[in-house]
């Protein structure tokens, strides 16, 4: 009996949902592998599927059942219209971080030839997206992980972004004044471990997710080091956990008593970004 794409994918989707997982993930994976748009899927969904494609769907379904994130299965993730390689050594870029980059660009629309440093660059998504949007900016990206820096360099080369990369514990390697400091640091506390999705807990790099002192340790280091590095008229933008707005705002106001410190919400109306300007 000939099987169609929609029959095989529906069965795989039902299997995942019965396992308590998101059934749509297998369709997303399949369409990505085929390079099909939603329209192309509607045109082809009732066509016969090959044995090889059915085996691939079965293999992908097993990986999803074992909580492997779809982006790690594919080896890439899209961020602000650009495709970034992701590995087990890098955090998967999130939509909330796109909002951080867009806010930075919006707030600095009229400023040219700025010096920027991205703390904890991971895949390089923040640094590379800023450089591609504003080629005249001088962007440096730092991370404590050599493996993450290698992936970020690979992404920058592939996307044609000229960025300086350095291994650094927060701002320790930065020795010249910066116009903008931006970061999506590790901000999850150990007490929140049980609240994390199984795929995140099992596969994403712990040092890119978790921080000491209830997730505040890196913000504390930034509060100590950023006033030394940031120019007097400079700006600091950081992604935060949705419960961390008040405490991070207070921390940064003490570090920068003469600056305005704001907590901005994301599209889901959660506290997500702290801006010091």
Protein backbone atom coordinates (compact mmCIF):
# COMPACT_ATOMS: atom_id res chain seq x y z
CA UNK A 1 0.00 0.00 0.00
CA UNK A 2 1.38 3.41 -1.01
CA UNK A 3 1.80 5.86 1.88
CA UNK A 4 1.57 9.62 1.49
CA UNK A 5 3.57 12.38 3.18
CA UNK A 6 0.59 13.49 5.23
CA UNK A 7 -0.18 9.96 6.45
CA UNK A 8 3.36 9.29 7.66
CA UNK A 9 3.77 12.72 9.26
CA UNK A 10 0.35 12.54 10.94
CA UNK A 11 1.29 9.21 12.49
CA UNK A 12 4.63 10.58 13.70
CA UNK A 13 2.95 13.70 15.08
CA UNK A 14 0.37 11.61 16.99
CA UNK A 15 3.16 9.45 18.44
CA UNK A 16 4.95 12.54 19.78
CA UNK A 17 1.75 13.98 21.24
CA UNK A 18 1.01 10.67 22.98
CA UNK A 19 4.50 10.99 24.50
CA UNK A 20 3.56 14.43 25.84
CA UNK A 21 5.60 16.33 23.23
CA UNK A 22 4.82 18.90 20.55
CA UNK A 23 3.55 17.02 17.51
CA UNK A 24 4.19 19.88 15.09
CA UNK A 25 7.95 19.54 15.58
CA UNK A 26 8.23 16.61 13.16
CA UNK A 27 6.40 18.53 10.41
CA UNK A 28 8.68 21.52 11.00
CA UNK A 29 11.75 19.27 10.74
CA UNK A 30 10.52 17.58 7.57
CA UNK A 31 9.65 20.84 5.81
CA UNK A 32 13.06 22.27 6.74
CA UNK A 33 14.84 19.22 5.34
CA UNK A 34 12.82 19.39 2.12
CA UNK A 35 13.16 23.16 1.85
CA UNK A 36 9.39 23.38 1.39
CA UNK A 37 7.22 26.36 2.25
CA UNK A 38 3.73 25.89 3.72
CA UNK A 39 2.30 26.36 0.21
CA UNK A 40 4.59 23.68 -1.22
CA UNK A 41 3.56 21.35 1.61
CA UNK A 42 -0.12 21.81 0.73
CA UNK A 43 0.67 21.04 -2.91
CA UNK A 44 2.68 17.87 -2.18
CA UNK A 45 1.22 16.49 1.06
CA UNK A 46 -0.88 13.79 -0.62
CA UNK A 47 1.92 12.52 -2.85
CA UNK A 48 3.60 9.16 -2.28
CA UNK A 49 6.51 9.20 0.16
CA UNK A 50 9.71 7.27 -0.59
CA UNK A 51 11.03 4.58 1.74
CA UNK A 52 14.13 6.69 2.43
CA UNK A 53 12.06 9.70 3.47
CA UNK A 54 9.86 7.58 5.71
CA UNK A 55 12.96 6.18 7.44
CA UNK A 56 14.29 9.72 7.95
CA UNK A 57 11.01 10.80 9.53
CA UNK A 58 11.12 7.78 11.84
CA UNK A 59 14.71 8.58 12.86
CA UNK A 60 13.86 12.26 13.48
CA UNK A 61 10.78 11.25 15.49
CA UNK A 62 12.95 9.08 17.77
CA UNK A 63 15.34 11.99 18.34
CA UNK A 64 12.45 14.35 19.14
CA UNK A 65 11.00 11.71 21.50
CA UNK A 66 14.37 11.72 23.28
CA UNK A 67 14.03 15.52 23.70
CA UNK A 68 16.74 16.51 21.20
CA UNK A 69 15.87 20.07 20.09
CA UNK A 70 14.92 20.34 16.41
CA UNK A 71 17.64 22.95 15.85
CA UNK A 72 20.33 20.55 17.05
CA UNK A 73 18.98 17.84 14.77
CA UNK A 74 19.17 20.23 11.80
CA UNK A 75 22.42 21.84 12.95
CA UNK A 76 21.14 25.37 12.49
CA UNK A 77 18.69 27.98 13.75
CA UNK A 78 17.30 31.11 12.09
CA UNK A 79 17.67 34.48 13.79
CA UNK A 80 16.55 37.83 12.35
CA UNK A 81 16.54 36.45 8.83
CA UNK A 82 20.00 34.86 9.04
CA UNK A 83 20.86 31.19 9.45
CA UNK A 84 23.28 30.31 12.26
CA UNK A 85 25.07 27.05 12.85
CA UNK A 86 24.30 25.67 16.32
CA UNK A 87 26.17 22.96 18.20
CA UNK A 88 25.95 21.33 21.63
CA UNK A 89 28.39 24.05 22.79
CA UNK A 90 26.05 26.93 21.88
CA UNK A 91 22.67 28.05 23.11
CA UNK A 92 19.90 27.99 20.51
CA UNK A 93 19.07 31.65 19.67
CA UNK A 94 15.60 32.67 20.94
CA UNK A 95 12.99 35.12 19.61
CA UNK A 96 13.33 37.16 22.82
CA UNK A 97 16.95 37.83 21.91
CA UNK A 98 15.84 39.11 18.51
CA UNK A 99 13.92 41.76 20.45
CA UNK A 100 17.14 42.71 22.28
CA UNK A 101 18.98 43.23 18.98
CA UNK A 102 16.11 45.17 17.41
CA UNK A 103 15.90 47.47 20.46
CA UNK A 104 19.64 48.14 20.26
CA UNK A 105 19.36 49.07 16.57
CA UNK A 106 16.28 51.21 17.17
CA UNK A 107 17.86 53.14 20.06
CA UNK A 108 21.05 53.80 18.08
CA UNK A 109 19.60 54.48 14.63
CA UNK A 110 21.41 57.80 14.18
CA UNK A 111 24.76 56.80 15.70
CA UNK A 112 27.62 55.89 13.37
CA UNK A 113 31.04 54.24 13.83
CA UNK A 114 30.21 52.89 17.28
CA UNK A 115 32.30 50.41 19.24
CA UNK A 116 30.23 47.46 20.47
CA UNK A 117 31.00 44.45 22.63
CA UNK A 118 28.71 41.40 22.89
CA UNK A 119 29.26 39.46 26.14
CA UNK A 120 28.72 35.69 25.98
CA UNK A 121 28.31 35.62 22.22
CA UNK A 122 27.52 31.88 21.80
CA UNK A 123 26.59 31.37 18.14
CA UNK A 124 27.45 35.01 17.49
CA UNK A 125 23.80 35.76 16.69
CA UNK A 126 23.72 39.15 18.47
CA UNK A 127 27.11 40.40 17.30
CA UNK A 128 26.71 39.22 13.72
CA UNK A 129 23.16 40.55 13.38
CA UNK A 130 24.28 43.97 14.62
CA UNK A 131 27.27 44.04 12.26
CA UNK A 132 25.19 43.00 9.24
CA UNK A 133 22.62 45.70 10.05
CA UNK A 134 25.26 48.39 10.73
CA UNK A 135 28.48 47.57 8.82
CA UNK A 136 30.17 50.78 10.06
CA UNK A 137 29.99 49.63 13.70
CA UNK A 138 33.11 48.01 15.19
CA UNK A 139 31.83 44.85 16.85
CA UNK A 140 33.73 42.65 19.29
CA UNK A 141 32.32 39.39 20.59
CA UNK A 142 33.56 37.66 23.74
CA UNK A 143 32.81 34.33 25.35
CA UNK A 144 34.44 32.19 28.02
CA UNK A 145 33.94 29.09 25.83
CA UNK A 146 36.53 28.49 23.12
CA UNK A 147 34.16 26.04 21.42
CA UNK A 148 31.41 28.67 21.25
CA UNK A 149 33.86 31.22 19.83
CA UNK A 150 34.86 28.77 17.09
CA UNK A 151 31.21 28.33 16.11
CA UNK A 152 30.64 32.09 16.20
CA UNK A 153 33.66 32.67 13.94
CA UNK A 154 32.34 30.06 11.52
CA UNK A 155 28.97 31.81 11.43
CA UNK A 156 30.59 35.22 10.91
CA UNK A 157 32.70 33.93 8.02
CA UNK A 158 29.69 32.26 6.41
CA UNK A 159 27.53 35.38 6.72
CA UNK A 160 30.29 37.82 5.76
CA UNK A 161 30.46 39.73 9.06
CA UNK A 162 33.83 41.22 10.01
CA UNK A 163 33.95 40.84 13.80
CA UNK A 164 36.76 40.61 16.37
CA UNK A 165 36.46 37.57 18.65
CA UNK A 166 38.18 37.17 22.02
CA UNK A 167 38.04 34.70 24.87
CA UNK A 168 36.99 36.65 27.93
CA UNK A 169 35.32 36.17 31.30
CA UNK A 170 32.69 38.92 30.95
CA UNK A 171 34.66 42.14 30.18
CA UNK A 172 38.11 41.13 31.44
CA UNK A 173 39.66 41.18 27.95
CA UNK A 174 38.15 44.54 26.90
CA UNK A 175 40.73 47.29 27.30
CA UNK A 176 39.22 50.23 25.37
CA UNK A 177 36.07 52.31 25.92
CA UNK A 178 32.86 51.00 24.31
CA UNK A 179 29.79 52.85 23.04
CA UNK A 180 27.48 49.86 23.55
CA UNK A 181 27.71 46.77 25.74
CA UNK A 182 25.11 44.14 24.94
CA UNK A 183 24.57 40.68 26.41
CA UNK A 184 22.27 37.71 26.73
CA UNK A 185 24.13 36.16 29.66
CA UNK A 186 23.34 32.97 31.59
CA UNK A 187 20.55 34.03 33.96
CA UNK A 188 18.75 30.91 35.15
CA UNK A 189 19.14 30.02 38.82
CA UNK A 190 19.57 26.44 40.01
CA UNK A 191 16.21 26.69 41.78
CA UNK A 192 14.55 26.99 38.34
CA UNK A 193 16.05 23.71 37.07
CA UNK A 194 12.80 21.78 37.48
CA UNK A 195 10.86 24.41 35.50
CA UNK A 196 13.04 24.04 32.39
CA UNK A 197 11.93 22.00 29.40
CA UNK A 198 13.53 18.54 29.30
CA UNK A 199 15.19 19.29 25.94
CA UNK A 200 16.86 22.38 27.41
CA UNK A 201 18.02 20.59 30.56
CA UNK A 202 19.43 17.62 28.66
CA UNK A 203 21.02 19.12 25.57
CA UNK A 204 21.74 22.85 25.80
CA UNK A 205 25.06 23.93 27.39
CA UNK A 206 24.65 24.46 31.12
CA UNK A 207 27.22 27.25 31.38
CA UNK A 208 25.28 29.24 28.77
CA UNK A 209 22.07 28.86 30.80
CA UNK A 210 22.78 28.79 34.51
CA UNK A 211 24.46 31.32 36.80
CA UNK A 212 25.24 31.37 40.51
CA UNK A 213 23.44 33.61 43.03
CA UNK A 214 19.96 32.73 41.75
CA UNK A 215 20.99 33.52 38.19
CA UNK A 216 22.40 36.97 39.03
CA UNK A 217 26.15 36.27 39.10
CA UNK A 218 26.93 37.54 35.57
CA UNK A 219 24.86 40.71 36.07
CA UNK A 220 26.86 41.36 39.23
CA UNK A 221 30.12 41.06 37.25
CA UNK A 222 28.74 43.32 34.53
CA UNK A 223 27.73 45.87 37.19
CA UNK A 224 31.32 45.82 38.49
CA UNK A 225 33.14 45.91 35.16
CA UNK A 226 30.88 47.85 32.76
CA UNK A 227 31.31 51.28 34.43
CA UNK A 228 35.05 51.01 33.71
CA UNK A 229 34.59 50.10 30.04
CA UNK A 230 31.43 51.93 28.96
CA UNK A 231 31.84 55.47 27.62
CA UNK A 232 30.07 58.20 29.67
CA UNK A 233 27.43 58.57 26.93
CA UNK A 234 27.35 54.82 26.27
CA UNK A 235 24.50 52.31 26.48
CA UNK A 236 24.19 48.90 28.15
CA UNK A 237 21.51 46.41 27.07
CA UNK A 238 20.96 43.01 28.70
CA UNK A 239 18.43 40.23 28.38
CA UNK A 240 17.05 39.10 31.74
CA UNK A 241 14.84 36.41 33.23
CA UNK A 242 11.18 37.43 33.54
CA UNK A 243 11.41 37.67 37.35
CA UNK A 244 14.71 39.58 37.47
CA UNK A 245 13.64 43.08 36.37
CA UNK A 246 13.50 44.86 39.74
CA UNK A 247 16.70 43.37 41.19
CA UNK A 248 18.79 43.87 38.02
CA UNK A 249 17.45 47.42 37.64
CA UNK A 250 18.48 48.23 41.23
CA UNK A 251 21.89 46.64 40.67
CA UNK A 252 22.55 48.69 37.52
CA UNK A 253 21.24 51.92 39.04
CA UNK A 254 23.83 51.57 41.82
CA UNK A 255 26.54 50.90 39.23
CA UNK A 256 25.42 53.83 37.05
CA UNK A 257 23.85 56.38 39.46
CA UNK A 258 23.69 59.17 36.86
CA UNK A 259 22.13 57.07 34.08
CA UNK A 260 18.54 56.09 33.27
CA UNK A 261 17.83 52.40 33.91
CA UNK A 262 14.73 50.92 32.24
CA UNK A 263 13.11 47.49 32.25
CA UNK A 264 11.49 46.68 28.90
CA UNK A 265 8.91 43.95 28.31
CA UNK A 266 8.98 41.38 25.50
CA UNK A 267 6.09 40.60 23.15
CA UNK A 268 4.66 38.22 25.76
CA UNK A 269 4.55 41.17 28.23
CA UNK A 270 7.26 39.69 30.46
CA UNK A 271 10.19 41.75 31.79
CA UNK A 272 12.96 40.84 29.35
CA UNK A 273 15.48 43.64 28.73
CA UNK A 274 17.30 46.09 31.00
CA UNK A 275 18.59 49.22 29.27
CA UNK A 276 21.09 51.59 30.87
CA UNK A 277 21.39 54.85 28.92
